[in-house]
Amino acid sequence: MKDNVILVAVDSTHRSLSIVKQAAMLAIRLQKALYLVHVVDTKEWPGLAAQRREESLARYFNRNFYKVGTELGVKHVISTVIYGNPSKRLTKLSNLNNVAMIIMGASGRHCIGSLSVMGHTTMYVTRWSKKNAIIVREPAALPLPLAAALA
Protein backbone atom coordinates (compact mmCIF):
# COMPACT_ATOMS: atom_id res chain seq x y z
CA MET A 1 0.00 0.00 0.00
CA LYS A 2 1.31 3.42 -0.91
CA ASP A 3 1.95 6.13 1.70
CA ASN A 4 0.78 4.10 4.71
CA VAL A 5 3.85 4.54 6.94
CA ILE A 6 5.34 7.44 8.86
CA LEU A 7 9.10 7.01 9.10
CA VAL A 8 10.45 8.25 12.45
CA ALA A 9 14.18 8.80 12.92
CA VAL A 10 15.20 8.12 16.52
CA ASP A 11 18.44 7.96 18.43
CA SER A 12 19.55 7.27 22.00
CA THR A 13 18.70 10.72 23.36
CA HIS A 14 15.86 12.05 25.48
CA ARG A 15 14.69 14.19 22.55
CA SER A 16 13.60 11.10 20.64
CA LEU A 17 10.83 10.44 23.18
CA SER A 18 9.18 13.75 22.26
CA ILE A 19 9.59 12.92 18.56
CA VAL A 20 7.93 9.53 19.01
CA LYS A 21 5.02 11.04 20.95
CA GLN A 22 4.42 13.68 18.28
CA ALA A 23 4.70 11.08 15.51
CA ALA A 24 2.31 8.73 17.31
CA MET A 25 -0.35 11.42 17.63
CA LEU A 26 -0.03 12.21 13.95
CA ALA A 27 -0.11 8.51 12.99
CA ILE A 28 -3.34 8.03 14.93
CA ARG A 29 -4.90 11.09 13.33
CA LEU A 30 -3.87 10.04 9.80
CA GLN A 31 -4.36 6.29 10.39
CA LYS A 32 -0.77 5.43 9.47
CA ALA A 33 1.75 2.93 10.82
CA LEU A 34 4.91 4.09 12.57
CA TYR A 35 8.33 2.86 11.45
CA LEU A 36 10.90 3.76 14.12
CA VAL A 37 14.44 3.65 12.76
CA HIS A 38 17.71 4.09 14.62
CA VAL A 39 20.76 4.24 12.36
CA VAL A 40 24.04 3.29 14.04
CA ASP A 41 26.61 5.54 12.41
CA THR A 42 29.53 3.29 11.45
CA LYS A 43 31.89 6.27 11.21
CA GLU A 44 31.00 7.61 14.65
CA TRP A 45 31.33 4.16 16.22
CA PRO A 46 34.43 2.61 14.65
CA GLY A 47 35.09 -0.98 15.57
CA LEU A 48 32.69 -3.83 15.99
CA ALA A 49 32.64 -3.71 19.81
CA ALA A 50 31.63 -0.02 19.89
CA GLN A 51 28.96 -0.60 17.24
CA ARG A 52 27.51 -3.53 19.17
CA ARG A 53 27.33 -1.43 22.37
CA GLU A 54 25.54 1.34 20.45
CA GLU A 55 23.20 -1.22 18.88
CA SER A 56 22.37 -2.63 22.32
CA LEU A 57 21.59 0.86 23.62
CA ALA A 58 19.55 1.63 20.49
CA ARG A 59 17.49 -1.56 20.91
CA TYR A 60 16.80 -0.63 24.55
CA PHE A 61 15.53 2.82 23.55
CA ASN A 62 13.56 1.42 20.59
CA ARG A 63 11.73 -1.04 22.88
CA ASN A 64 10.66 1.91 25.04
CA PHE A 65 9.68 3.99 22.01
CA TYR A 66 7.69 1.05 20.62
CA LYS A 67 5.86 0.78 23.94
CA VAL A 68 5.06 4.52 23.92
CA GLY A 69 3.64 4.30 20.39
CA THR A 70 1.42 1.32 21.14
CA GLU A 71 0.25 2.73 24.48
CA LEU A 72 -0.78 5.97 22.78
CA GLY A 73 -2.94 3.93 20.39
CA VAL A 74 -0.96 3.45 17.19
CA LYS A 75 -2.18 0.19 15.65
CA HIS A 76 1.03 -0.76 13.84
CA VAL A 77 4.47 0.13 15.17
CA ILE A 78 7.66 -1.28 13.64
CA SER A 79 11.04 -0.69 15.22
CA THR A 80 14.49 -1.44 13.81
CA VAL A 81 18.18 -0.69 14.18
CA ILE A 82 20.31 -0.49 11.04
CA TYR A 83 23.93 0.39 10.28
CA GLY A 84 25.45 2.98 7.96
CA ASN A 85 25.47 6.68 7.27
CA PRO A 86 22.33 8.09 8.96
CA SER A 87 21.82 10.84 6.36
CA LYS A 88 21.92 8.48 3.41
CA ARG A 89 20.08 5.57 5.03
CA LEU A 90 17.20 7.77 6.27
CA THR A 91 16.91 9.53 2.91
CA LYS A 92 16.79 6.21 1.07
CA LEU A 93 14.14 4.83 3.45
CA SER A 94 12.07 8.02 3.26
CA ASN A 95 11.86 7.71 -0.53
CA LEU A 96 10.24 4.25 -0.44
CA ASN A 97 6.72 4.10 -1.92
CA ASN A 98 5.01 3.09 1.32
CA VAL A 99 6.44 6.04 3.29
CA ALA A 100 4.12 9.03 3.56
CA MET A 101 6.56 11.33 5.39
CA ILE A 102 9.55 11.38 7.70
CA ILE A 103 9.57 12.85 11.18
CA MET A 104 12.87 13.65 12.84
CA GLY A 105 14.48 15.92 15.38
CA ALA A 106 16.05 19.23 14.52
CA SER A 107 19.31 18.22 16.14
CA GLY A 108 20.78 14.92 17.15
CA ARG A 109 23.26 13.65 19.67
CA HIS A 110 25.76 16.45 19.08
CA CYS A 111 23.53 19.51 19.54
CA ILE A 112 25.00 22.50 21.33
CA GLY A 113 22.88 23.20 24.38
CA SER A 114 19.74 25.11 23.47
CA LEU A 115 21.27 26.59 20.32
CA SER A 116 18.51 26.37 17.73
CA VAL A 117 20.29 25.04 14.66
CA MET A 118 19.43 22.14 12.42
CA GLY A 119 21.81 19.18 12.50
CA HIS A 120 23.61 17.93 9.40
CA THR A 121 21.55 14.73 9.14
CA THR A 122 18.28 16.66 9.31
CA MET A 123 19.49 19.15 6.72
CA TYR A 124 20.60 16.37 4.37
CA VAL A 125 17.35 14.41 4.66
CA THR A 126 15.11 17.46 4.20
CA ARG A 127 17.11 18.45 1.13
CA TRP A 128 17.25 15.06 -0.61
CA SER A 129 14.06 13.28 0.48
CA LYS A 130 11.22 13.36 -2.02
CA LYS A 131 8.70 13.13 0.82
CA ASN A 132 7.57 15.74 3.30
CA ALA A 133 9.70 16.05 6.41
CA ILE A 134 8.40 17.21 9.76
CA ILE A 135 11.06 18.57 12.09
CA VAL A 136 10.36 18.31 15.82
CA ARG A 137 12.17 20.79 18.04
CA GLU A 138 12.83 20.56 21.75
CA PRO A 139 9.68 19.92 23.84
CA ALA A 140 9.81 23.42 25.33
CA ALA A 141 9.48 24.88 21.83
CA LEU A 142 6.28 22.92 21.11
CA PRO A 143 3.36 24.80 22.69
CA LEU A 144 0.78 22.36 21.26
CA PRO A 145 1.04 18.76 20.15
CA LEU A 146 1.38 18.50 16.40
CA ALA A 147 -1.81 16.48 16.01
CA ALA A 148 -3.83 19.09 17.96
CA ALA A 149 -2.57 21.81 15.62
CA LEU A 150 -3.92 19.80 12.67
CA ALA A 151 -7.40 19.39 14.18
C-alpha atoms as a PDB file:
ATOM      1  CA  MET A   1       0.000   0.000   0.000  1.00  0.00           C
ATOM      2  CA  LYS A   2       1.306   3.423  -0.911  1.00  0.00           C
ATOM      3  CA  ASP A   3       1.954   6.125   1.702  1.00  0.00           C
ATOM      4  CA  ASN A   4       0.779   4.098   4.711  1.00  0.00           C
ATOM      5  CA  VAL A   5       3.847   4.541   6.939  1.00  0.00           C
ATOM      6  CA  ILE A   6       5.340   7.443   8.857  1.00  0.00           C
ATOM      7  CA  LEU A   7       9.105   7.014   9.103  1.00  0.00           C
ATOM      8  CA  VAL A   8      10.453   8.246  12.446  1.00  0.00           C
ATOM      9  CA  ALA A   9      14.183   8.805  12.917  1.00  0.00           C
ATOM     10  CA  VAL A  10      15.196   8.117  16.517  1.00  0.00           C
ATOM     11  CA  ASP A  11      18.443   7.956  18.432  1.00  0.00           C
ATOM     12  CA  SER A  12      19.552   7.270  22.003  1.00  0.00           C
ATOM     13  CA  THR A  13      18.697  10.717  23.361  1.00  0.00           C
ATOM     14  CA  HIS A  14      15.856  12.046  25.481  1.00  0.00           C
ATOM     15  CA  ARG A  15      14.688  14.195  22.551  1.00  0.00           C
ATOM     16  CA  SER A  16      13.597  11.097  20.642  1.00  0.00           C
ATOM     17  CA  LEU A  17      10.831  10.441  23.178  1.00  0.00           C
ATOM     18  CA  SER A  18       9.180  13.745  22.256  1.00  0.00           C
ATOM     19  CA  ILE A  19       9.588  12.922  18.562  1.00  0.00           C
ATOM     20  CA  VAL A  20       7.935   9.532  19.010  1.00  0.00           C
ATOM     21  CA  LYS A  21       5.020  11.043  20.950  1.00  0.00           C
ATOM     22  CA  GLN A  22       4.424  13.681  18.277  1.00  0.00           C
ATOM     23  CA  ALA A  23       4.700  11.083  15.508  1.00  0.00           C
ATOM     24  CA  ALA A  24       2.307   8.729  17.313  1.00  0.00           C
ATOM     25  CA  MET A  25      -0.351  11.425  17.633  1.00  0.00           C
ATOM     26  CA  LEU A  26      -0.032  12.214  13.946  1.00  0.00           C
ATOM     27  CA  ALA A  27      -0.115   8.509  12.986  1.00  0.00           C
ATOM     28  CA  ILE A  28      -3.341   8.031  14.927  1.00  0.00           C
ATOM     29  CA  ARG A  29      -4.896  11.089  13.327  1.00  0.00           C
ATOM     30  CA  LEU A  30      -3.865  10.037   9.798  1.00  0.00           C
ATOM     31  CA  GLN A  31      -4.359   6.287  10.386  1.00  0.00           C
ATOM     32  CA  LYS A  32      -0.768   5.434   9.474  1.00  0.00           C
ATOM     33  CA  ALA A  33       1.746   2.934  10.823  1.00  0.00           C
ATOM     34  CA  LEU A  34       4.914   4.086  12.573  1.00  0.00           C
ATOM     35  CA  TYR A  35       8.326   2.863  11.448  1.00  0.00           C
ATOM     36  CA  LEU A  36      10.896   3.761  14.121  1.00  0.00           C
ATOM     37  CA  VAL A  37      14.444   3.653  12.757  1.00  0.00           C
ATOM     38  CA  HIS A  38      17.709   4.086  14.624  1.00  0.00           C
ATOM     39  CA  VAL A  39      20.765   4.235  12.364  1.00  0.00           C
ATOM     40  CA  VAL A  40      24.041   3.287  14.041  1.00  0.00           C
ATOM     41  CA  ASP A  41      26.614   5.540  12.405  1.00  0.00           C
ATOM     42  CA  THR A  42      29.529   3.293  11.451  1.00  0.00           C
ATOM     43  CA  LYS A  43      31.895   6.272  11.207  1.00  0.00           C
ATOM     44  CA  GLU A  44      31.001   7.608  14.650  1.00  0.00           C
ATOM     45  CA  TRP A  45      31.328   4.162  16.225  1.00  0.00           C
ATOM     46  CA  PRO A  46      34.434   2.609  14.650  1.00  0.00           C
ATOM     47  CA  GLY A  47      35.091  -0.981  15.571  1.00  0.00           C
ATOM     48  CA  LEU A  48      32.693  -3.834  15.988  1.00  0.00           C
ATOM     49  CA  ALA A  49      32.638  -3.713  19.809  1.00  0.00           C
ATOM     50  CA  ALA A  50      31.627  -0.024  19.890  1.00  0.00           C
ATOM     51  CA  GLN A  51      28.960  -0.601  17.236  1.00  0.00           C
ATOM     52  CA  ARG A  52      27.506  -3.535  19.173  1.00  0.00           C
ATOM     53  CA  ARG A  53      27.326  -1.429  22.367  1.00  0.00           C
ATOM     54  CA  GLU A  54      25.540   1.337  20.452  1.00  0.00           C
ATOM     55  CA  GLU A  55      23.199  -1.217  18.880  1.00  0.00           C
ATOM     56  CA  SER A  56      22.370  -2.626  22.323  1.00  0.00           C
ATOM     57  CA  LEU A  57      21.589   0.861  23.624  1.00  0.00           C
ATOM     58  CA  ALA A  58      19.550   1.628  20.488  1.00  0.00           C
ATOM     59  CA  ARG A  59      17.489  -1.557  20.915  1.00  0.00           C
ATOM     60  CA  TYR A  60      16.803  -0.628  24.555  1.00  0.00           C
ATOM     61  CA  PHE A  61      15.530   2.821  23.552  1.00  0.00           C
ATOM     62  CA  ASN A  62      13.562   1.416  20.594  1.00  0.00           C
ATOM     63  CA  ARG A  63      11.726  -1.038  22.884  1.00  0.00           C
ATOM     64  CA  ASN A  64      10.661   1.905  25.043  1.00  0.00           C
ATOM     65  CA  PHE A  65       9.681   3.994  22.006  1.00  0.00           C
ATOM     66  CA  TYR A  66       7.687   1.053  20.620  1.00  0.00           C
ATOM     67  CA  LYS A  67       5.856   0.780  23.938  1.00  0.00           C
ATOM     68  CA  VAL A  68       5.063   4.517  23.923  1.00  0.00           C
ATOM     69  CA  GLY A  69       3.639   4.305  20.393  1.00  0.00           C
ATOM     70  CA  THR A  70       1.420   1.323  21.139  1.00  0.00           C
ATOM     71  CA  GLU A  71       0.248   2.730  24.483  1.00  0.00           C
ATOM     72  CA  LEU A  72      -0.777   5.974  22.776  1.00  0.00           C
ATOM     73  CA  GLY A  73      -2.938   3.934  20.394  1.00  0.00           C
ATOM     74  CA  VAL A  74      -0.959   3.450  17.186  1.00  0.00           C
ATOM     75  CA  LYS A  75      -2.180   0.192  15.652  1.00  0.00           C
ATOM     76  CA  HIS A  76       1.030  -0.761  13.836  1.00  0.00           C
ATOM     77  CA  VAL A  77       4.475   0.132  15.171  1.00  0.00           C
ATOM     78  CA  ILE A  78       7.662  -1.277  13.643  1.00  0.00           C
ATOM     79  CA  SER A  79      11.045  -0.687  15.223  1.00  0.00           C
ATOM     80  CA  THR A  80      14.488  -1.443  13.812  1.00  0.00           C
ATOM     81  CA  VAL A  81      18.180  -0.693  14.181  1.00  0.00           C
ATOM     82  CA  ILE A  82      20.313  -0.486  11.037  1.00  0.00           C
ATOM     83  CA  TYR A  83      23.931   0.388  10.282  1.00  0.00           C
ATOM     84  CA  GLY A  84      25.445   2.977   7.958  1.00  0.00           C
ATOM     85  CA  ASN A  85      25.474   6.681   7.267  1.00  0.00           C
ATOM     86  CA  PRO A  86      22.331   8.092   8.960  1.00  0.00           C
ATOM     87  CA  SER A  87      21.823  10.835   6.361  1.00  0.00           C
ATOM     88  CA  LYS A  88      21.922   8.480   3.414  1.00  0.00           C
ATOM     89  CA  ARG A  89      20.082   5.571   5.028  1.00  0.00           C
ATOM     90  CA  LEU A  90      17.203   7.771   6.273  1.00  0.00           C
ATOM     91  CA  THR A  91      16.907   9.535   2.912  1.00  0.00           C
ATOM     92  CA  LYS A  92      16.787   6.212   1.068  1.00  0.00           C
ATOM     93  CA  LEU A  93      14.142   4.828   3.446  1.00  0.00           C
ATOM     94  CA  SER A  94      12.072   8.021   3.259  1.00  0.00           C
ATOM     95  CA  ASN A  95      11.863   7.707  -0.526  1.00  0.00           C
ATOM     96  CA  LEU A  96      10.239   4.254  -0.439  1.00  0.00           C
ATOM     97  CA  ASN A  97       6.724   4.096  -1.919  1.00  0.00           C
ATOM     98  CA  ASN A  98       5.007   3.095   1.317  1.00  0.00           C
ATOM     99  CA  VAL A  99       6.442   6.036   3.288  1.00  0.00           C
ATOM    100  CA  ALA A 100       4.119   9.034   3.563  1.00  0.00           C
ATOM    101  CA  MET A 101       6.559  11.326   5.392  1.00  0.00           C
ATOM    102  CA  ILE A 102       9.550  11.383   7.695  1.00  0.00           C
ATOM    103  CA  ILE A 103       9.565  12.854  11.183  1.00  0.00           C
ATOM    104  CA  MET A 104      12.874  13.646  12.842  1.00  0.00           C
ATOM    105  CA  GLY A 105      14.481  15.922  15.379  1.00  0.00           C
ATOM    106  CA  ALA A 106      16.053  19.233  14.519  1.00  0.00           C
ATOM    107  CA  SER A 107      19.314  18.222  16.144  1.00  0.00           C
ATOM    108  CA  GLY A 108      20.785  14.921  17.150  1.00  0.00           C
ATOM    109  CA  ARG A 109      23.258  13.651  19.674  1.00  0.00           C
ATOM    110  CA  HIS A 110      25.758  16.454  19.075  1.00  0.00           C
ATOM    111  CA  CYS A 111      23.529  19.505  19.538  1.00  0.00           C
ATOM    112  CA  ILE A 112      25.003  22.502  21.328  1.00  0.00           C
ATOM    113  CA  GLY A 113      22.875  23.198  24.383  1.00  0.00           C
ATOM    114  CA  SER A 114      19.744  25.113  23.473  1.00  0.00           C
ATOM    115  CA  LEU A 115      21.269  26.592  20.322  1.00  0.00           C
ATOM    116  CA  SER A 116      18.512  26.374  17.730  1.00  0.00           C
ATOM    117  CA  VAL A 117      20.289  25.039  14.661  1.00  0.00           C
ATOM    118  CA  MET A 118      19.428  22.140  12.422  1.00  0.00           C
ATOM    119  CA  GLY A 119      21.811  19.177  12.499  1.00  0.00           C
ATOM    120  CA  HIS A 120      23.606  17.931   9.398  1.00  0.00           C
ATOM    121  CA  THR A 121      21.555  14.730   9.144  1.00  0.00           C
ATOM    122  CA  THR A 122      18.281  16.656   9.305  1.00  0.00           C
ATOM    123  CA  MET A 123      19.493  19.153   6.721  1.00  0.00           C
ATOM    124  CA  TYR A 124      20.604  16.374   4.371  1.00  0.00           C
ATOM    125  CA  VAL A 125      17.345  14.412   4.656  1.00  0.00           C
ATOM    126  CA  THR A 126      15.114  17.461   4.204  1.00  0.00           C
ATOM    127  CA  ARG A 127      17.106  18.451   1.133  1.00  0.00           C
ATOM    128  CA  TRP A 128      17.246  15.062  -0.605  1.00  0.00           C
ATOM    129  CA  SER A 129      14.062  13.280   0.479  1.00  0.00           C
ATOM    130  CA  LYS A 130      11.216  13.357  -2.024  1.00  0.00           C
ATOM    131  CA  LYS A 131       8.703  13.132   0.820  1.00  0.00           C
ATOM    132  CA  ASN A 132       7.574  15.738   3.298  1.00  0.00           C
ATOM    133  CA  ALA A 133       9.703  16.053   6.413  1.00  0.00           C
ATOM    134  CA  ILE A 134       8.402  17.205   9.762  1.00  0.00           C
ATOM    135  CA  ILE A 135      11.062  18.566  12.085  1.00  0.00           C
ATOM    136  CA  VAL A 136      10.364  18.307  15.819  1.00  0.00           C
ATOM    137  CA  ARG A 137      12.172  20.792  18.037  1.00  0.00           C
ATOM    138  CA  GLU A 138      12.831  20.563  21.753  1.00  0.00           C
ATOM    139  CA  PRO A 139       9.684  19.918  23.842  1.00  0.00           C
ATOM    140  CA  ALA A 140       9.810  23.422  25.335  1.00  0.00           C
ATOM    141  CA  ALA A 141       9.476  24.878  21.827  1.00  0.00           C
ATOM    142  CA  LEU A 142       6.282  22.921  21.114  1.00  0.00           C
ATOM    143  CA  PRO A 143       3.357  24.796  22.691  1.00  0.00           C
ATOM    144  CA  LEU A 144       0.781  22.363  21.257  1.00  0.00           C
ATOM    145  CA  PRO A 145       1.041  18.760  20.145  1.00  0.00           C
ATOM    146  CA  LEU A 146       1.382  18.495  16.403  1.00  0.00           C
ATOM    147  CA  ALA A 147      -1.807  16.481  16.006  1.00  0.00           C
ATOM    148  CA  ALA A 148      -3.828  19.086  17.956  1.00  0.00           C
ATOM    149  CA  ALA A 149      -2.572  21.807  15.617  1.00  0.00           C
ATOM    150  CA  LEU A 150      -3.924  19.800  12.674  1.00  0.00           C
ATOM    151  CA  ALA A 151      -7.397  19.392  14.176  1.00  0.00           C
END
